[in-house]
Amino acid sequence: MAADEIRGAAQGGAPVPLSVLDLVTVGAGRTASDALRTSVELVRLAERRGFHRYWVAEHHSMPGVASSSPAVILAHLAAHTDRIRLGSGGVMLPNHAPLVIAEQFGTLEAMAPGRVDLGLGRAPGTDGATAAALRRTDRLNEGADDFPQQLAELTRFLDDDFPDGHPYRRIHAVPGPVQAAGPGGVQSPHRPPVWLLGSSGFSARLAGALGLPFAFAHHFSARNTVPALDLYRESFQPSAVLDEPYALIGVSALAADEEQEARRQVLAAALGMVRLRTGRPGLVPSPQEAEAYEFSPMEREFVDSWNANVIHGTPDEVRSGLDDLAKRTGADELMITANAHGGDVRVRSYELIADAYGLPTPASA
């Protein structure tokens, strides 16, 4: 696993590499099929314009988010791309047996050799009842507390190196290293780089101690970003993966041709978050629905607080906000997520951001 597979290279006028986080959002009046078609359009755009990587996040029991199965979606996106890195941002490891994830991402690596990332989180990606259904247990904290052990087991499966005497020594994740022809034969299949994801200090400290790249969810835990990145850097121990820290942050950003339109779109997305946080998850509302909605004082306070961390406006305003965030946090990479009702709005946002940074166009790529 080479460090250059992890470290991106900034293009155009971007201060750091820019990447995409896709939640495969489903707007009111739209379908999951519509959302997945948008994902194909977006990943093609991202590859064409020089975004570094494209990740899909695991969520469950959320009508407005169609990304419950990242591995399936990534396989679909791999069939429509040639160069861009694809990965999970992330797979929630306590929801799955480590062997299953090793098999899924070994398969993805066989489909798209040398361009698959395995990002891992320990949260359920859903509410407690759904997590219990996924894990078939009500002891949810147990799964999160066992995360370091699950990670170690997954890594052993990926490397096919359980020690002699271990009960899993004769078990192999396939596709994987066991398929190598041996000395003088075919080289071992490539192993996807592992990332740790988090929104608090736990994964930051663990990623640092293991010398792994770290991705922080700034888009929904902004006040913890700088403390978590500081903790990651302070905890970092050089490893075979990285000789120095590499931190990516996820950031909500939406650009539109006019500032007023950007405000309309993020208001609608914020209404969707209001409903999610109050136990009423649904499809992403339209701007028209949000404009007609009567927010309570408490809901309005939430919306203002939420949108304060969404970089939105004209392309130049979004570029300025992203540049400031990169400088303020020292992030090595920015992963942009655009939450909006319409797929066309999301596609246009990434186009405008690429233009603002002078990222390659098809003619110049």
Protein backbone atom coordinates (compact mmCIF):
# COMPACT_ATOMS: atom_id res chain seq x y z
CA MET A 1 0.00 0.00 0.00
CA ALA A 2 1.88 3.08 -1.24
CA ALA A 3 1.53 6.52 0.27
CA ASP A 4 1.04 8.03 -3.19
CA GLU A 5 -2.25 6.12 -3.43
CA ILE A 6 -3.43 8.12 -0.43
CA ARG A 7 -1.92 11.50 -1.07
CA GLY A 8 -3.63 13.51 -3.74
CA ALA A 9 -2.22 16.26 -5.93
CA ALA A 10 -3.96 19.62 -6.07
CA GLN A 11 -5.03 20.72 -9.53
CA GLY A 12 -5.74 24.11 -11.02
CA GLY A 13 -5.85 26.84 -8.39
CA ALA A 14 -6.96 24.55 -5.56
CA PRO A 15 -4.79 24.78 -2.43
CA VAL A 16 -5.31 21.05 -1.72
CA PRO A 17 -6.82 18.14 -3.66
CA LEU A 18 -10.61 18.33 -4.04
CA SER A 19 -12.79 15.22 -3.85
CA VAL A 20 -16.49 14.30 -3.78
CA LEU A 21 -18.65 12.69 -1.09
CA ASP A 22 -21.92 11.38 -2.54
CA LEU A 23 -24.88 10.66 -0.23
CA VAL A 24 -27.01 9.63 -3.24
CA THR A 25 -29.75 11.98 -2.06
CA VAL A 26 -33.32 11.48 -3.23
CA GLY A 27 -35.48 14.59 -3.62
CA ALA A 28 -39.24 14.78 -3.16
CA GLY A 29 -40.91 13.67 -6.38
CA ARG A 30 -37.79 11.77 -7.45
CA THR A 31 -36.81 8.11 -7.14
CA ALA A 32 -33.76 6.15 -6.02
CA SER A 33 -33.18 5.32 -9.69
CA ASP A 34 -33.04 9.04 -10.44
CA ALA A 35 -30.52 9.53 -7.63
CA LEU A 36 -28.30 6.70 -8.84
CA ARG A 37 -28.35 8.07 -12.38
CA THR A 38 -27.20 11.38 -10.92
CA SER A 39 -24.36 9.56 -9.16
CA VAL A 40 -23.15 8.19 -12.49
CA GLU A 41 -23.31 11.66 -14.02
CA LEU A 42 -21.47 13.11 -11.03
CA VAL A 43 -18.67 10.55 -10.96
CA ARG A 44 -18.08 11.05 -14.69
CA LEU A 45 -17.95 14.80 -14.12
CA ALA A 46 -15.58 14.37 -11.18
CA GLU A 47 -13.24 12.19 -13.21
CA ARG A 48 -13.37 14.50 -16.21
CA ARG A 49 -12.66 17.63 -14.17
CA GLY A 50 -9.83 16.26 -12.05
CA PHE A 51 -11.41 15.67 -8.63
CA HIS A 52 -9.15 13.24 -6.80
CA ARG A 53 -11.54 10.66 -5.33
CA TYR A 54 -15.26 9.88 -5.11
CA TRP A 55 -16.65 8.29 -1.96
CA VAL A 56 -20.10 6.94 -1.05
CA ALA A 57 -21.38 6.88 2.55
CA GLU A 58 -23.35 4.13 4.30
CA HIS A 59 -26.74 5.18 5.69
CA HIS A 60 -29.82 3.16 6.60
CA SER A 61 -33.58 3.74 6.96
CA MET A 62 -33.38 7.28 5.55
CA PRO A 63 -35.79 7.82 2.64
CA GLY A 64 -33.78 10.77 1.35
CA VAL A 65 -30.48 8.87 1.18
CA ALA A 66 -30.13 5.90 -1.19
CA SER A 67 -26.63 4.82 -0.16
CA SER A 68 -27.37 1.88 2.13
CA SER A 69 -24.99 -0.40 0.20
CA PRO A 70 -21.74 1.40 -0.72
CA ALA A 71 -20.07 -1.66 -2.25
CA VAL A 72 -22.93 -2.18 -4.71
CA ILE A 73 -22.94 1.48 -5.73
CA LEU A 74 -19.16 1.57 -6.08
CA ALA A 75 -19.22 -1.45 -8.37
CA HIS A 76 -21.74 0.41 -10.56
CA LEU A 77 -19.59 3.56 -10.58
CA ALA A 78 -16.45 1.56 -11.36
CA ALA A 79 -18.11 0.35 -14.55
CA HIS A 80 -18.59 3.96 -15.67
CA THR A 81 -15.10 5.32 -14.86
CA ASP A 82 -11.46 4.63 -15.67
CA ARG A 83 -9.18 6.72 -13.44
CA ILE A 84 -10.80 8.38 -10.44
CA ARG A 85 -10.32 6.77 -7.02
CA LEU A 86 -13.53 5.24 -5.64
CA GLY A 87 -14.25 4.42 -2.03
CA SER A 88 -16.46 4.25 1.01
CA GLY A 89 -16.86 7.29 3.16
CA GLY A 90 -17.52 5.10 4.87
CA VAL A 91 -18.51 1.55 5.61
CA MET A 92 -19.77 1.33 9.20
CA LEU A 93 -17.71 -1.66 10.29
CA PRO A 94 -19.74 -2.67 13.40
CA ASN A 95 -22.70 -3.32 11.07
CA HIS A 96 -20.78 -6.04 9.22
CA ALA A 97 -18.59 -9.09 9.66
CA PRO A 98 -14.99 -8.08 8.82
CA LEU A 99 -14.65 -11.03 6.42
CA VAL A 100 -17.64 -9.79 4.40
CA ILE A 101 -16.09 -6.33 3.99
CA ALA A 102 -12.73 -7.85 3.02
CA GLU A 103 -14.50 -9.91 0.34
CA GLN A 104 -16.57 -6.99 -0.95
CA PHE A 105 -13.61 -4.64 -1.26
CA GLY A 106 -11.37 -7.36 -2.63
CA THR A 107 -13.97 -7.76 -5.35
CA LEU A 108 -14.06 -4.01 -5.97
CA GLU A 109 -10.28 -3.93 -6.17
CA ALA A 110 -10.42 -6.68 -8.79
CA MET A 111 -12.93 -4.58 -10.75
CA ALA A 112 -10.99 -1.32 -10.49
CA PRO A 113 -7.37 -2.25 -9.71
CA GLY A 114 -5.35 0.33 -7.81
CA ARG A 115 -8.13 2.87 -7.35
CA VAL A 116 -10.27 1.65 -4.44
CA ASP A 117 -10.28 3.17 -0.92
CA LEU A 118 -11.78 1.46 2.12
CA GLY A 119 -12.99 4.13 4.55
CA LEU A 120 -14.28 2.78 7.85
CA GLY A 121 -16.43 4.26 10.61
CA ARG A 122 -17.77 2.90 13.89
CA ALA A 123 -21.13 4.71 14.08
CA PRO A 124 -24.23 2.81 12.89
CA GLY A 125 -25.16 5.30 10.17
CA THR A 126 -28.74 5.28 11.41
CA ASP A 127 -30.95 5.30 14.52
CA GLY A 128 -30.69 2.82 17.37
CA ALA A 129 -33.60 0.59 16.35
CA THR A 130 -32.30 0.22 12.80
CA ALA A 131 -28.80 -0.45 14.10
CA ALA A 132 -30.20 -3.23 16.28
CA ALA A 133 -31.89 -4.75 13.22
CA LEU A 134 -28.63 -4.54 11.25
CA ARG A 135 -26.48 -6.02 13.99
CA ARG A 136 -29.13 -8.36 15.44
CA THR A 137 -28.32 -7.17 18.95
CA ASP A 138 -29.47 -4.44 21.32
CA ARG A 139 -25.96 -4.07 22.76
CA LEU A 140 -24.94 -1.36 20.32
CA ASN A 141 -22.13 0.12 22.42
CA GLU A 142 -20.44 -3.26 22.40
CA GLY A 143 -20.01 -3.05 18.64
CA ALA A 144 -18.51 0.43 18.80
CA ASP A 145 -16.21 -0.48 21.68
CA ASP A 146 -14.95 -3.51 19.75
CA PHE A 147 -14.02 -1.38 16.73
CA PRO A 148 -10.21 -1.66 17.19
CA GLN A 149 -10.51 -5.45 17.36
CA GLN A 150 -12.81 -5.53 14.32
CA LEU A 151 -10.37 -3.32 12.43
CA ALA A 152 -7.45 -5.60 13.31
CA GLU A 153 -9.43 -8.63 12.12
CA LEU A 154 -10.39 -6.92 8.86
CA THR A 155 -6.77 -5.94 8.24
CA ARG A 156 -5.68 -9.55 8.80
CA PHE A 157 -8.23 -10.74 6.24
CA LEU A 158 -7.13 -8.08 3.72
CA ASP A 159 -3.48 -9.09 4.14
CA ASP A 160 -4.22 -12.80 4.54
CA ASP A 161 -1.77 -12.99 7.45
CA PHE A 162 -3.46 -14.51 10.49
CA PRO A 163 -0.70 -16.17 12.55
CA ASP A 164 -0.28 -19.91 12.92
CA GLY A 165 -2.67 -21.28 15.52
CA HIS A 166 -5.30 -18.60 14.98
CA PRO A 167 -8.77 -20.07 14.38
CA TYR A 168 -9.04 -18.02 11.16
CA ARG A 169 -5.64 -19.02 9.80
CA ARG A 170 -7.14 -21.24 7.11
CA ILE A 171 -9.84 -18.73 6.10
CA HIS A 172 -9.14 -16.49 3.11
CA ALA A 173 -10.90 -13.39 1.80
CA VAL A 174 -11.39 -13.96 -1.91
CA PRO A 175 -10.54 -12.12 -4.13
CA GLY A 176 -7.33 -11.60 -2.17
CA PRO A 177 -3.68 -12.50 -1.63
CA VAL A 178 -4.35 -16.25 -1.40
CA GLN A 179 -4.82 -16.21 -5.18
CA ALA A 180 -1.18 -15.27 -5.81
CA ALA A 181 0.73 -17.89 -7.74
CA GLY A 182 3.62 -17.82 -5.29
CA PRO A 183 7.36 -17.15 -5.83
CA GLY A 184 8.07 -16.21 -9.40
CA GLY A 185 4.39 -16.21 -10.26
CA VAL A 186 1.61 -13.66 -10.31
CA GLN A 187 1.95 -10.89 -7.74
CA SER A 188 -0.48 -10.74 -4.84
CA PRO A 189 -3.68 -8.83 -5.61
CA HIS A 190 -3.53 -5.21 -4.58
CA ARG A 191 -4.96 -4.31 -1.19
CA PRO A 192 -7.24 -1.23 -0.87
CA PRO A 193 -5.85 1.48 1.43
CA VAL A 194 -7.72 1.65 4.75
CA TRP A 195 -8.88 5.02 6.09
CA LEU A 196 -10.45 5.74 9.45
CA LEU A 197 -13.42 8.12 9.56
CA GLY A 198 -14.77 9.98 12.54
CA SER A 199 -16.58 12.94 14.04
CA SER A 200 -14.88 12.88 17.46
CA GLY A 201 -11.52 12.13 19.00
CA PHE A 202 -11.77 8.34 19.20
CA SER A 203 -11.02 7.55 15.54
CA ALA A 204 -8.60 10.48 15.33
CA ARG A 205 -6.45 8.99 18.08
CA LEU A 206 -6.72 5.45 16.69
CA ALA A 207 -5.84 6.56 13.14
CA GLY A 208 -2.81 8.41 14.48
CA ALA A 209 -1.62 5.50 16.60
CA LEU A 210 -1.90 3.11 13.61
CA GLY A 211 -0.36 5.53 11.12
CA LEU A 212 -3.44 5.53 8.89
CA PRO A 213 -5.01 8.37 6.90
CA PHE A 214 -7.89 10.08 8.68
CA ALA A 215 -11.13 11.60 7.35
CA PHE A 216 -13.11 13.91 9.63
CA ALA A 217 -16.83 14.72 9.19
CA HIS A 218 -16.60 18.51 9.37
CA HIS A 219 -19.95 18.74 7.56
CA PHE A 220 -21.85 17.65 10.66
CA SER A 221 -19.35 18.14 13.49
CA ALA A 222 -17.65 21.41 12.62
CA ARG A 223 -16.80 22.50 16.15
CA ASN A 224 -14.79 19.31 16.69
CA THR A 225 -12.76 19.56 13.49
CA VAL A 226 -9.65 21.39 14.68
CA PRO A 227 -9.42 19.52 18.04
CA ALA A 228 -9.78 16.17 16.26
CA LEU A 229 -7.17 17.00 13.63
CA ASP A 230 -4.80 18.23 16.33
CA LEU A 231 -5.31 14.98 18.23
CA TYR A 232 -4.68 12.94 15.08
CA ARG A 233 -1.44 14.76 14.34
CA GLU A 234 -0.24 14.56 17.95
CA SER A 235 -1.02 10.83 18.09
CA PHE A 236 0.49 9.98 14.71
CA GLN A 237 3.08 7.22 14.52
CA PRO A 238 4.80 6.60 11.17
CA SER A 239 3.83 3.30 9.58
CA ALA A 240 4.31 1.26 6.43
CA VAL A 241 1.32 3.19 5.09
CA LEU A 242 2.29 6.79 5.84
CA ASP A 243 5.41 8.50 7.10
CA GLU A 244 3.47 11.60 8.17
CA PRO A 245 -0.20 12.46 8.88
CA TYR A 246 -2.70 12.86 6.08
CA ALA A 247 -6.07 14.36 7.03
CA LEU A 248 -9.10 14.82 4.80
CA ILE A 249 -12.21 16.69 5.90
CA GLY A 250 -15.74 16.35 4.56
CA VAL A 251 -17.39 19.71 3.95
CA SER A 252 -20.86 20.73 2.79
CA ALA A 253 -20.65 23.18 -0.10
CA LEU A 254 -23.08 24.26 -2.77
CA ALA A 255 -22.43 26.74 -5.56
CA ALA A 256 -25.07 28.29 -7.82
CA ASP A 257 -24.99 30.88 -10.55
CA GLU A 258 -26.73 33.32 -8.21
CA GLU A 259 -26.33 33.68 -4.45
CA GLN A 260 -30.10 33.75 -3.87
CA GLU A 261 -30.51 30.39 -5.59
CA ALA A 262 -27.81 28.86 -3.43
CA ARG A 263 -29.64 30.11 -0.32
CA ARG A 264 -32.91 28.56 -1.56
CA GLN A 265 -31.26 25.19 -2.09
CA VAL A 266 -29.50 24.99 1.27
CA LEU A 267 -32.68 26.05 3.07
CA ALA A 268 -34.48 23.06 1.55
CA ALA A 269 -31.65 20.72 2.57
CA ALA A 270 -31.72 22.16 6.09
CA LEU A 271 -35.46 21.49 6.34
CA GLY A 272 -34.68 17.88 5.51
CA MET A 273 -32.17 17.84 8.38
CA VAL A 274 -34.76 19.36 10.75
CA ARG A 275 -37.09 16.50 9.97
CA LEU A 276 -34.36 13.91 10.31
CA ARG A 277 -33.19 15.25 13.68
CA THR A 278 -36.77 15.28 15.01
CA GLY A 279 -37.53 11.70 14.01
CA ARG A 280 -39.38 12.52 10.78
CA PRO A 281 -36.94 11.49 8.04
CA GLY A 282 -38.16 11.85 4.49
CA LEU A 283 -37.16 12.76 0.96
CA VAL A 284 -35.16 15.97 0.50
CA PRO A 285 -37.73 18.78 0.28
CA SER A 286 -37.92 21.08 -2.72
CA PRO A 287 -36.99 24.77 -2.39
CA GLN A 288 -40.64 25.65 -2.95
CA GLU A 289 -41.71 23.46 -0.04
CA ALA A 290 -39.05 24.98 2.21
CA GLU A 291 -40.07 28.53 1.30
CA ALA A 292 -43.69 27.75 2.21
CA TYR A 293 -42.79 25.96 5.46
CA GLU A 294 -43.43 27.78 8.75
CA PHE A 295 -40.34 27.15 10.86
CA SER A 296 -40.77 27.29 14.62
CA PRO A 297 -38.27 29.47 16.53
CA MET A 298 -36.37 26.33 17.59
CA GLU A 299 -36.31 24.99 14.05
CA ARG A 300 -35.16 28.34 12.71
CA GLU A 301 -32.32 28.37 15.23
CA PHE A 302 -31.28 24.90 14.10
CA VAL A 303 -31.41 25.90 10.41
CA ASP A 304 -29.27 28.99 11.01
CA SER A 305 -26.73 26.96 12.96
CA TRP A 306 -26.65 24.17 10.39
CA ASN A 307 -26.30 26.46 7.37
CA ALA A 308 -23.54 28.44 9.06
CA ASN A 309 -21.35 25.41 8.32
CA VAL A 310 -22.54 24.97 4.74
CA ILE A 311 -20.33 26.93 2.35
CA HIS A 312 -22.75 28.27 -0.23
CA GLY A 313 -23.17 31.12 -2.69
CA THR A 314 -21.64 32.04 -6.02
CA PRO A 315 -18.65 30.05 -7.29
CA ASP A 316 -16.20 32.72 -6.10
CA GLU A 317 -17.84 32.81 -2.65
CA VAL A 318 -17.64 29.03 -2.36
CA ARG A 319 -14.02 29.00 -3.46
CA SER A 320 -13.18 31.65 -0.88
CA GLY A 321 -14.93 29.65 1.84
CA LEU A 322 -13.19 26.42 0.90
CA ASP A 323 -9.80 28.11 0.75
CA ASP A 324 -10.36 29.64 4.18
CA LEU A 325 -11.40 26.28 5.63
CA ALA A 326 -8.34 24.53 4.22
CA LYS A 327 -6.07 27.21 5.67
CA ARG A 328 -7.82 27.26 9.05
CA THR A 329 -7.77 23.50 9.55
CA GLY A 330 -4.58 22.58 7.73
CA ALA A 331 -6.49 19.78 5.97
CA ASP A 332 -4.55 17.91 3.32
CA GLU A 333 -7.66 17.34 1.22
CA LEU A 334 -11.23 18.65 1.02
CA MET A 335 -14.08 16.26 0.22
CA ILE A 336 -17.14 18.21 -0.89
CA THR A 337 -20.68 17.00 -0.38
CA ALA A 338 -23.58 18.86 -2.01
CA ASN A 339 -26.95 18.13 -0.44
CA ALA A 340 -29.76 19.45 -2.62
CA HIS A 341 -33.22 18.45 -3.85
CA GLY A 342 -32.39 18.13 -7.54
CA GLY A 343 -29.63 16.12 -9.16
CA ASP A 344 -29.17 18.86 -11.74
CA VAL A 345 -28.44 21.34 -8.94
CA ARG A 346 -25.76 19.08 -7.50
CA VAL A 347 -24.13 18.50 -10.88
CA ARG A 348 -24.13 22.23 -11.60
CA SER A 349 -22.58 22.96 -8.21
CA TYR A 350 -19.57 20.72 -8.85
CA GLU A 351 -19.19 22.16 -12.34
CA LEU A 352 -19.12 25.70 -10.94
CA ILE A 353 -16.63 24.78 -8.21
CA ALA A 354 -14.38 23.11 -10.78
CA ASP A 355 -14.57 26.23 -12.93
CA ALA A 356 -13.82 28.50 -9.97
CA TYR A 357 -10.61 26.57 -9.31
CA GLY A 358 -9.66 26.25 -12.97
CA LEU A 359 -9.75 22.45 -12.82
CA PRO A 360 -9.11 20.71 -16.15
CA THR A 361 -11.81 20.78 -18.78
CA PRO A 362 -12.30 17.92 -21.28
CA ALA A 363 -10.39 19.90 -23.89
CA SER A 364 -7.43 20.58 -21.60
CA ALA A 365 -7.37 17.29 -19.66
